[in-house]
PDB file of N, CA and C in Angstrom:
ATOM      1  N   MET A   1      87.274 101.620  86.739  1.00  0.00           N
ATOM      2  CA  MET A   1      88.442 102.279  86.183  1.00  0.00           C
ATOM      3  C   MET A   1      88.408 103.741  86.619  1.00  0.00           C
ATOM      4  N   ARG A   2      89.534 104.242  87.039  1.00  0.00           N
ATOM      5  CA  ARG A   2      89.621 105.615  87.513  1.00  0.00           C
ATOM      6  C   ARG A   2      90.857 106.269  86.913  1.00  0.00           C
ATOM      7  N   ASP A   3      90.661 107.411  86.270  1.00  0.00           N
ATOM      8  CA  ASP A   3      91.768 108.146  85.647  1.00  0.00           C
ATOM      9  C   ASP A   3      92.617 107.251  84.746  1.00  0.00           C
ATOM     10  N   GLY A   4      91.968 106.350  84.013  1.00  0.00           N
ATOM     11  CA  GLY A   4      92.699 105.493  83.097  1.00  0.00           C
ATOM     12  C   GLY A   4      93.348 104.283  83.735  1.00  0.00           C
ATOM     13  N   TYR A   5      93.231 104.118  85.043  1.00  0.00           N
ATOM     14  CA  TYR A   5      93.822 102.982  85.733  1.00  0.00           C
ATOM     15  C   TYR A   5      92.730 102.043  86.201  1.00  0.00           C
ATOM     16  N   GLN A   6      92.984 100.781  86.046  1.00  0.00           N
ATOM     17  CA  GLN A   6      92.028  99.788  86.522  1.00  0.00           C
ATOM     18  C   GLN A   6      92.415  99.401  87.944  1.00  0.00           C
ATOM     19  N   ILE A   7      91.466  99.473  88.851  1.00  0.00           N
ATOM     20  CA  ILE A   7      91.734  99.116  90.240  1.00  0.00           C
ATOM     21  C   ILE A   7      91.327  97.658  90.429  1.00  0.00           C
ATOM     22  N   ARG A   8      92.287  96.842  90.821  1.00  0.00           N
ATOM     23  CA  ARG A   8      92.023  95.428  91.050  1.00  0.00           C
ATOM     24  C   ARG A   8      92.299  95.101  92.512  1.00  0.00           C
ATOM     25  N   PRO A   9      91.528  94.182  93.063  1.00  0.00           N
ATOM     26  CA  PRO A   9      91.791  93.800  94.452  1.00  0.00           C
ATOM     27  C   PRO A   9      93.148  93.108  94.565  1.00  0.00           C
ATOM     28  N   ILE A  10      93.794  93.320  95.669  1.00  0.00           N
ATOM     29  CA  ILE A  10      95.084  92.677  95.922  1.00  0.00           C
ATOM     30  C   ILE A  10      94.813  91.258  96.393  1.00  0.00           C
ATOM     31  N   LYS A  11      95.448  90.314  95.752  1.00  0.00           N
ATOM     32  CA  LYS A  11      95.264  88.912  96.107  1.00  0.00           C
ATOM     33  C   LYS A  11      96.311  88.533  97.161  1.00  0.00           C
ATOM     34  N   VAL A  12      95.842  87.939  98.230  1.00  0.00           N
ATOM     35  CA  VAL A  12      96.724  87.502  99.311  1.00  0.00           C
ATOM     36  C   VAL A  12      96.593  85.995  99.435  1.00  0.00           C
ATOM     37  N   SER A  13      97.700  85.317  99.566  1.00  0.00           N
ATOM     38  CA  SER A  13      97.673  83.863  99.653  1.00  0.00           C
ATOM     39  C   SER A  13      97.011  83.396 100.944  1.00  0.00           C
ATOM     40  N   ASN A  14      96.382  82.240 100.867  1.00  0.00           N
ATOM     41  CA  ASN A  14      95.816  81.634 102.074  1.00  0.00           C
ATOM     42  C   ASN A  14      96.910  81.371 103.095  1.00  0.00           C
ATOM     43  N   LEU A  15      98.091  80.995 102.628  1.00  0.00           N
ATOM     44  CA  LEU A  15      99.203  80.727 103.532  1.00  0.00           C
ATOM     45  C   LEU A  15      99.466  81.940 104.419  1.00  0.00           C
ATOM     46  N   LYS A  16      99.548  83.106 103.817  1.00  0.00           N
ATOM     47  CA  LYS A  16      99.822  84.315 104.590  1.00  0.00           C
ATOM     48  C   LYS A  16      98.667  84.636 105.534  1.00  0.00           C
ATOM     49  N   LYS A  17      97.421  84.535 105.043  1.00  0.00           N
ATOM     50  CA  LYS A  17      96.260  84.817 105.891  1.00  0.00           C
ATOM     51  C   LYS A  17      96.249  83.911 107.115  1.00  0.00           C
ATOM     52  N   ILE A  18      96.472  82.619 106.876  1.00  0.00           N
ATOM     53  CA  ILE A  18      96.438  81.652 107.976  1.00  0.00           C
ATOM     54  C   ILE A  18      97.599  81.894 108.930  1.00  0.00           C
ATOM     55  N   ARG A  19      98.790  82.127 108.387  1.00  0.00           N
ATOM     56  CA  ARG A  19      99.969  82.358 109.244  1.00  0.00           C
ATOM     57  C   ARG A  19      99.751  83.564 110.150  1.00  0.00           C
ATOM     58  N   ILE A  20      99.208  84.630 109.597  1.00  0.00           N
ATOM     59  CA  ILE A  20      98.959  85.835 110.396  1.00  0.00           C
ATOM     60  C   ILE A  20      97.883  85.562 111.440  1.00  0.00           C
ATOM     61  N   ARG A  21      96.845  84.839 111.046  1.00  0.00           N
ATOM     62  CA  ARG A  21      95.778  84.496 111.993  1.00  0.00           C
ATOM     63  C   ARG A  21      96.321  83.661 113.157  1.00  0.00           C
ATOM     64  N   LYS A  22      97.320  82.817 112.865  1.00  0.00           N
ATOM     65  CA  LYS A  22      97.932  81.975 113.902  1.00  0.00           C
ATOM     66  C   LYS A  22      99.031  82.713 114.666  1.00  0.00           C
ATOM     67  N   GLN A  23      99.231  83.984 114.325  1.00  0.00           N
ATOM     68  CA  GLN A  23     100.221  84.854 114.971  1.00  0.00           C
ATOM     69  C   GLN A  23     101.632  84.272 114.911  1.00  0.00           C
ATOM     70  N   MET A  24     102.005  83.829 113.711  1.00  0.00           N
ATOM     71  CA  MET A  24     103.339  83.286 113.488  1.00  0.00           C
ATOM     72  C   MET A  24     104.082  84.169 112.496  1.00  0.00           C
ATOM     73  N   THR A  25     105.376  84.251 112.671  1.00  0.00           N
ATOM     74  CA  THR A  25     106.212  84.922 111.685  1.00  0.00           C
ATOM     75  C   THR A  25     106.591  83.912 110.608  1.00  0.00           C
ATOM     76  N   GLN A  26     107.084  84.413 109.496  1.00  0.00           N
ATOM     77  CA  GLN A  26     107.564  83.509 108.449  1.00  0.00           C
ATOM     78  C   GLN A  26     108.697  82.642 108.993  1.00  0.00           C
ATOM     79  N   LYS A  27     109.560  83.240 109.783  1.00  0.00           N
ATOM     80  CA  LYS A  27     110.693  82.507 110.347  1.00  0.00           C
ATOM     81  C   LYS A  27     110.215  81.383 111.261  1.00  0.00           C
ATOM     82  N   GLU A  28     109.226  81.669 112.094  1.00  0.00           N
ATOM     83  CA  GLU A  28     108.687  80.644 112.988  1.00  0.00           C
ATOM     84  C   GLU A  28     108.056  79.501 112.185  1.00  0.00           C
ATOM     85  N   LEU A  29     107.328  79.860 111.130  1.00  0.00           N
ATOM     86  CA  LEU A  29     106.714  78.840 110.292  1.00  0.00           C
ATOM     87  C   LEU A  29     107.783  78.001 109.604  1.00  0.00           C
ATOM     88  N   ALA A  30     108.834  78.632 109.142  1.00  0.00           N
ATOM     89  CA  ALA A  30     109.929  77.905 108.497  1.00  0.00           C
ATOM     90  C   ALA A  30     110.558  76.912 109.473  1.00  0.00           C
ATOM     91  N   GLN A  31     110.793  77.351 110.693  1.00  0.00           N
ATOM     92  CA  GLN A  31     111.396  76.472 111.701  1.00  0.00           C
ATOM     93  C   GLN A  31     110.473  75.316 112.060  1.00  0.00           C
ATOM     94  N   LYS A  32     109.199  75.608 112.225  1.00  0.00           N
ATOM     95  CA  LYS A  32     108.236  74.593 112.643  1.00  0.00           C
ATOM     96  C   LYS A  32     107.933  73.592 111.524  1.00  0.00           C
ATOM     97  N   SER A  33     107.946  74.051 110.280  1.00  0.00           N
ATOM     98  CA  SER A  33     107.574  73.197 109.155  1.00  0.00           C
ATOM     99  C   SER A  33     108.763  72.534 108.465  1.00  0.00           C
ATOM    100  N   GLY A  34     109.948  73.124 108.612  1.00  0.00           N
ATOM    101  CA  GLY A  34     111.114  72.618 107.897  1.00  0.00           C
ATOM    102  C   GLY A  34     111.186  73.091 106.453  1.00  0.00           C
ATOM    103  N   VAL A  35     110.280  74.004 106.076  1.00  0.00           N
ATOM    104  CA  VAL A  35     110.266  74.568 104.727  1.00  0.00           C
ATOM    105  C   VAL A  35     111.137  75.823 104.743  1.00  0.00           C
ATOM    106  N   PRO A  36     112.041  75.966 103.779  1.00  0.00           N
ATOM    107  CA  PRO A  36     112.926  77.136 103.775  1.00  0.00           C
ATOM    108  C   PRO A  36     112.156  78.469 103.789  1.00  0.00           C
ATOM    109  N   LEU A  37     112.677  79.408 104.534  1.00  0.00           N
ATOM    110  CA  LEU A  37     112.075  80.733 104.669  1.00  0.00           C
ATOM    111  C   LEU A  37     111.841  81.380 103.301  1.00  0.00           C
ATOM    112  N   LYS A  38     112.795  81.250 102.403  1.00  0.00           N
ATOM    113  CA  LYS A  38     112.671  81.833 101.063  1.00  0.00           C
ATOM    114  C   LYS A  38     111.454  81.265 100.333  1.00  0.00           C
ATOM    115  N   ASN A  39     111.228  79.962 100.460  1.00  0.00           N
ATOM    116  CA  ASN A  39     110.073  79.339  99.809  1.00  0.00           C
ATOM    117  C   ASN A  39     108.771  79.870 100.376  1.00  0.00           C
ATOM    118  N   ILE A  40     108.701  80.023 101.678  1.00  0.00           N
ATOM    119  CA  ILE A  40     107.489  80.552 102.312  1.00  0.00           C
ATOM    120  C   ILE A  40     107.194  81.941 101.775  1.00  0.00           C
ATOM    121  N   GLY A  41     108.206  82.780 101.690  1.00  0.00           N
ATOM    122  CA  GLY A  41     108.033  84.122 101.130  1.00  0.00           C
ATOM    123  C   GLY A  41     107.524  84.074  99.694  1.00  0.00           C
ATOM    124  N   ASN A  42     108.076  83.164  98.903  1.00  0.00           N
ATOM    125  CA  ASN A  42     107.643  83.030  97.512  1.00  0.00           C
ATOM    126  C   ASN A  42     106.194  82.578  97.417  1.00  0.00           C
ATOM    127  N   TYR A  43     105.785  81.650  98.259  1.00  0.00           N
ATOM    128  CA  TYR A  43     104.394  81.194  98.256  1.00  0.00           C
ATOM    129  C   TYR A  43     103.463  82.317  98.705  1.00  0.00           C
ATOM    130  N   GLU A  44     103.863  83.062  99.714  1.00  0.00           N
ATOM    131  CA  GLU A  44     103.017  84.142 100.220  1.00  0.00           C
ATOM    132  C   GLU A  44     102.885  85.283  99.221  1.00  0.00           C
ATOM    133  N   GLN A  45     103.926  85.561  98.473  1.00  0.00           N
ATOM    134  CA  GLN A  45     103.890  86.641  97.488  1.00  0.00           C
ATOM    135  C   GLN A  45     103.360  86.161  96.134  1.00  0.00           C
ATOM    136  N   LEU A  46     102.915  84.905  96.111  1.00  0.00           N
ATOM    137  CA  LEU A  46     102.334  84.293  94.914  1.00  0.00           C
ATOM    138  C   LEU A  46     103.314  84.229  93.745  1.00  0.00           C
ATOM    139  N   ARG A  47     104.612  84.223  94.068  1.00  0.00           N
ATOM    140  CA  ARG A  47     105.622  84.026  93.025  1.00  0.00           C
ATOM    141  C   ARG A  47     105.745  82.547  92.687  1.00  0.00           C
ATOM    142  N   ARG A  48     105.331  81.703  93.628  1.00  0.00           N
ATOM    143  CA  ARG A  48     105.262  80.260  93.407  1.00  0.00           C
ATOM    144  C   ARG A  48     103.884  79.799  93.835  1.00  0.00           C
ATOM    145  N   ASP A  49     103.348  78.838  93.101  1.00  0.00           N
ATOM    146  CA  ASP A  49     101.997  78.338  93.347  1.00  0.00           C
ATOM    147  C   ASP A  49     102.048  77.204  94.361  1.00  0.00           C
ATOM    148  N   LEU A  50     101.500  77.439  95.537  1.00  0.00           N
ATOM    149  CA  LEU A  50     101.490  76.428  96.584  1.00  0.00           C
ATOM    150  C   LEU A  50     100.711  75.196  96.146  1.00  0.00           C
ATOM    151  N   GLY A  51      99.721  75.378  95.298  1.00  0.00           N
ATOM    152  CA  GLY A  51      98.945  74.259  94.787  1.00  0.00           C
ATOM    153  C   GLY A  51      99.747  73.323  93.897  1.00  0.00           C
ATOM    154  N   ARG A  52     100.892  73.783  93.430  1.00  0.00           N
ATOM    155  CA  ARG A  52     101.756  72.955  92.581  1.00  0.00           C
ATOM    156  C   ARG A  52     103.023  72.522  93.315  1.00  0.00           C
ATOM    157  N   ALA A  53     103.095  72.821  94.595  1.00  0.00           N
ATOM    158  CA  ALA A  53     104.268  72.441  95.391  1.00  0.00           C
ATOM    159  C   ALA A  53     104.261  70.938  95.653  1.00  0.00           C
ATOM    160  N   ARG A  54     105.400  70.418  96.037  1.00  0.00           N
ATOM    161  CA  ARG A  54     105.480  69.000  96.398  1.00  0.00           C
ATOM    162  C   ARG A  54     104.526  68.729  97.563  1.00  0.00           C
ATOM    163  N   VAL A  55     103.955  67.562  97.552  1.00  0.00           N
ATOM    164  CA  VAL A  55     102.974  67.186  98.564  1.00  0.00           C
ATOM    165  C   VAL A  55     103.562  67.278  99.969  1.00  0.00           C
ATOM    166  N   ASP A  56     104.803  66.856 100.146  1.00  0.00           N
ATOM    167  CA  ASP A  56     105.398  66.879 101.483  1.00  0.00           C
ATOM    168  C   ASP A  56     105.549  68.308 102.007  1.00  0.00           C
ATOM    169  N   ILE A  57     105.790  69.262 101.135  1.00  0.00           N
ATOM    170  CA  ILE A  57     105.906  70.662 101.553  1.00  0.00           C
ATOM    171  C   ILE A  57     104.547  71.184 102.012  1.00  0.00           C
ATOM    172  N   VAL A  58     103.531  70.933 101.217  1.00  0.00           N
ATOM    173  CA  VAL A  58     102.182  71.394 101.568  1.00  0.00           C
ATOM    174  C   VAL A  58     101.735  70.757 102.885  1.00  0.00           C
ATOM    175  N   MET A  59     101.999  69.465 103.034  1.00  0.00           N
ATOM    176  CA  MET A  59     101.598  68.775 104.266  1.00  0.00           C
ATOM    177  C   MET A  59     102.354  69.308 105.485  1.00  0.00           C
ATOM    178  N   SER A  60     103.622  69.613 105.328  1.00  0.00           N
ATOM    179  CA  SER A  60     104.415  70.165 106.429  1.00  0.00           C
ATOM    180  C   SER A  60     103.898  71.531 106.857  1.00  0.00           C
ATOM    181  N   LEU A  61     103.556  72.370 105.875  1.00  0.00           N
ATOM    182  CA  LEU A  61     103.022  73.694 106.194  1.00  0.00           C
ATOM    183  C   LEU A  61     101.666  73.578 106.879  1.00  0.00           C
ATOM    184  N   ALA A  62     100.803  72.705 106.357  1.00  0.00           N
ATOM    185  CA  ALA A  62      99.478  72.520 106.948  1.00  0.00           C
ATOM    186  C   ALA A  62      99.598  72.021 108.379  1.00  0.00           C
ATOM    187  N   LYS A  63     100.476  71.073 108.605  1.00  0.00           N
ATOM    188  CA  LYS A  63     100.665  70.530 109.961  1.00  0.00           C
ATOM    189  C   LYS A  63     101.194  71.602 110.907  1.00  0.00           C
ATOM    190  N   ALA A  64     102.162  72.380 110.452  1.00  0.00           N
ATOM    191  CA  ALA A  64     102.751  73.427 111.291  1.00  0.00           C
ATOM    192  C   ALA A  64     101.714  74.495 111.650  1.00  0.00           C
ATOM    193  N   LEU A  65     100.769  74.733 110.744  1.00  0.00           N
ATOM    194  CA  LEU A  65      99.731  75.744 110.971  1.00  0.00           C
ATOM    195  C   LEU A  65      98.460  75.158 111.592  1.00  0.00           C
ATOM    196  N   ASP A  66      98.430  73.834 111.747  1.00  0.00           N
ATOM    197  CA  ASP A  66      97.281  73.127 112.313  1.00  0.00           C
ATOM    198  C   ASP A  66      96.009  73.388 111.507  1.00  0.00           C
ATOM    199  N   VAL A  67      96.134  73.233 110.184  1.00  0.00           N
ATOM    200  CA  VAL A  67      94.998  73.355 109.272  1.00  0.00           C
ATOM    201  C   VAL A  67      95.037  72.185 108.294  1.00  0.00           C
ATOM    202  N   THR A  68      93.961  72.013 107.548  1.00  0.00           N
ATOM    203  CA  THR A  68      93.953  70.973 106.527  1.00  0.00           C
ATOM    204  C   THR A  68      94.674  71.481 105.279  1.00  0.00           C
ATOM    205  N   VAL A  69      95.088  70.546 104.461  1.00  0.00           N
ATOM    206  CA  VAL A  69      95.723  70.893 103.182  1.00  0.00           C
ATOM    207  C   VAL A  69      94.737  71.700 102.341  1.00  0.00           C
ATOM    208  N   GLU A  70      93.486  71.303 102.359  1.00  0.00           N
ATOM    209  CA  GLU A  70      92.451  72.006 101.586  1.00  0.00           C
ATOM    210  C   GLU A  70      92.342  73.469 101.993  1.00  0.00           C
ATOM    211  N   GLU A  71      92.364  73.730 103.301  1.00  0.00           N
ATOM    212  CA  GLU A  71      92.286  75.122 103.775  1.00  0.00           C
ATOM    213  C   GLU A  71      93.467  75.933 103.259  1.00  0.00           C
ATOM    214  N   LEU A  72      94.610  75.289 103.190  1.00  0.00           N
ATOM    215  CA  LEU A  72      95.832  75.984 102.799  1.00  0.00           C
ATOM    216  C   LEU A  72      95.861  76.321 101.310  1.00  0.00           C
ATOM    217  N   ILE A  73      95.395  75.420 100.477  1.00  0.00           N
ATOM    218  CA  ILE A  73      95.560  75.641  99.035  1.00  0.00           C
ATOM    219  C   ILE A  73      94.322  76.160  98.329  1.00  0.00           C
ATOM    220  N   ASN A  74      93.149  76.069  98.937  1.00  0.00           N
ATOM    221  CA  ASN A  74      91.931  76.546  98.273  1.00  0.00           C
ATOM    222  C   ASN A  74      91.818  78.053  98.346  1.00  0.00           C
ATOM    223  N   ASP A  75      91.316  78.645  97.269  1.00  0.00           N
ATOM    224  CA  ASP A  75      91.051  80.078  97.210  1.00  0.00           C
ATOM    225  C   ASP A  75      89.702  80.360  97.849  1.00  0.00           C
ATOM    226  N   ASN A  76      89.717  80.958  99.003  1.00  0.00           N
ATOM    227  CA  ASN A  76      88.448  81.307  99.682  1.00  0.00           C
ATOM    228  C   ASN A  76      88.332  82.795  99.812  1.00  0.00           C
TER     229      ASN A  76
END
């Protein structure tokens, strides 16, 4: 805690980490996966929980990123 403020680490979704590592834009991922761009943004900003998304959405994102579903949804 510093000056009355608690400093917490910023949490970044695995989806965003993987997408950036694969050098893809959100738009490219949306086109490749068929998942709406707005949804991808929501998952990346943790406004929606990817772990609770429909199975077909998670599988489409994993396939588009060439990773396993586990890599995409697990907190590492």
